[in-house]
Amino acid sequence: MEHFLSQHGVDICLLSETFLNPGQAFCLANYVCHRTNRPTTGGGAAILVRRGIVHHSVPIPGLTHLEATATQVTLAGKPVLILAGYLSPSRPLIGADLNACFGGGLPVLMAGDLNAKHVDWNTRLNTRRGKLLSEYADGNSCLIFGPDSPTTNPYNPLITPDVLDIVKTKNLSFLVYLTSCRALSSDHLAVLIDTSCRSSFHNPPDRSDFRRTDWASFQTQLEELIPFDSELHNEMAIDTCVENFSGAVLKALAASTPKRRPRPPVPAGIQDEIRL
């Protein structure tokens, strides 16, 4: 995951159905993690925010069945509530949960798997839950987006891929563009959400200056860090090996590459005026 976030320059990562236990540690370099764990196994939601981005965690009281984590950031010079959400297929979709997420007065962007299908957001068919979500969106000035290609890649070949991971918005002043991406090993594909604006930073983070990378040092570091395990007898062992190798490459590159401080960014509001 660290390689994926770095490769795509992700500012905010929304995670749905994290399966994290309350006592289980979870952190990624250069990101602040906010999470909501289910007391029992399964479920959960989390948000990773790149260090330096102005934000703060926001509680969402009153949730009954929907699991959500929320943070407030500044986009296009205005506060926006960002939520990662998950709703188990065994739990009902109720209006009170959606009101708790979308009724606070701020512009909202929620992403995740609500196990709700509707052709309006590019799924194959309409389900009862999808119809309820669509009706709520129509009655509460919300918009729902899904990518043009499936977001699931089921392990069971008898199950047809479909769009389950969607984005719900309310009162945003900018557009969102979605692309599903086959870059991780989960049966749910990553969905890249691109906007026409950028997050506001306290200070621009240091960036790696790859023109000055010491490749001899990189090779030495990689030889020390690279894991070696010839016992790759199943898919899980292969996935773990690939993840460890990717982590070793990133650590070796970071240790061999000097940082540079970029120029302070143009304020978000002015950036959006320039794009217009």
Foldseek 3Di string as FASTA:
>chain_A
DQLVCVVVVDFKDKDWFPQDEPVDDDDDPQWDKDWDDDNDGITIIMMTGGPQFDKDWDDQPDADFKHKTWMWFAKLNFIEIEMEIEGDPVDADDPRNVCSQPVPPHKYKYKYFHVADDCLQPWPHGDPRNVVVVVSCVVQVKDKHHANDFQFQDPDPVDDGTHGIIMMIHPDPWDWHWDFDPDADHRGTDIDIDILFDTDGNFDDWDWDVVQFDVVQLVVQLVVQQDDDPPPDDPVSVNVNVVSSSVSSVVSRVVRTDTDGDDGDDDGNVSSVVVD
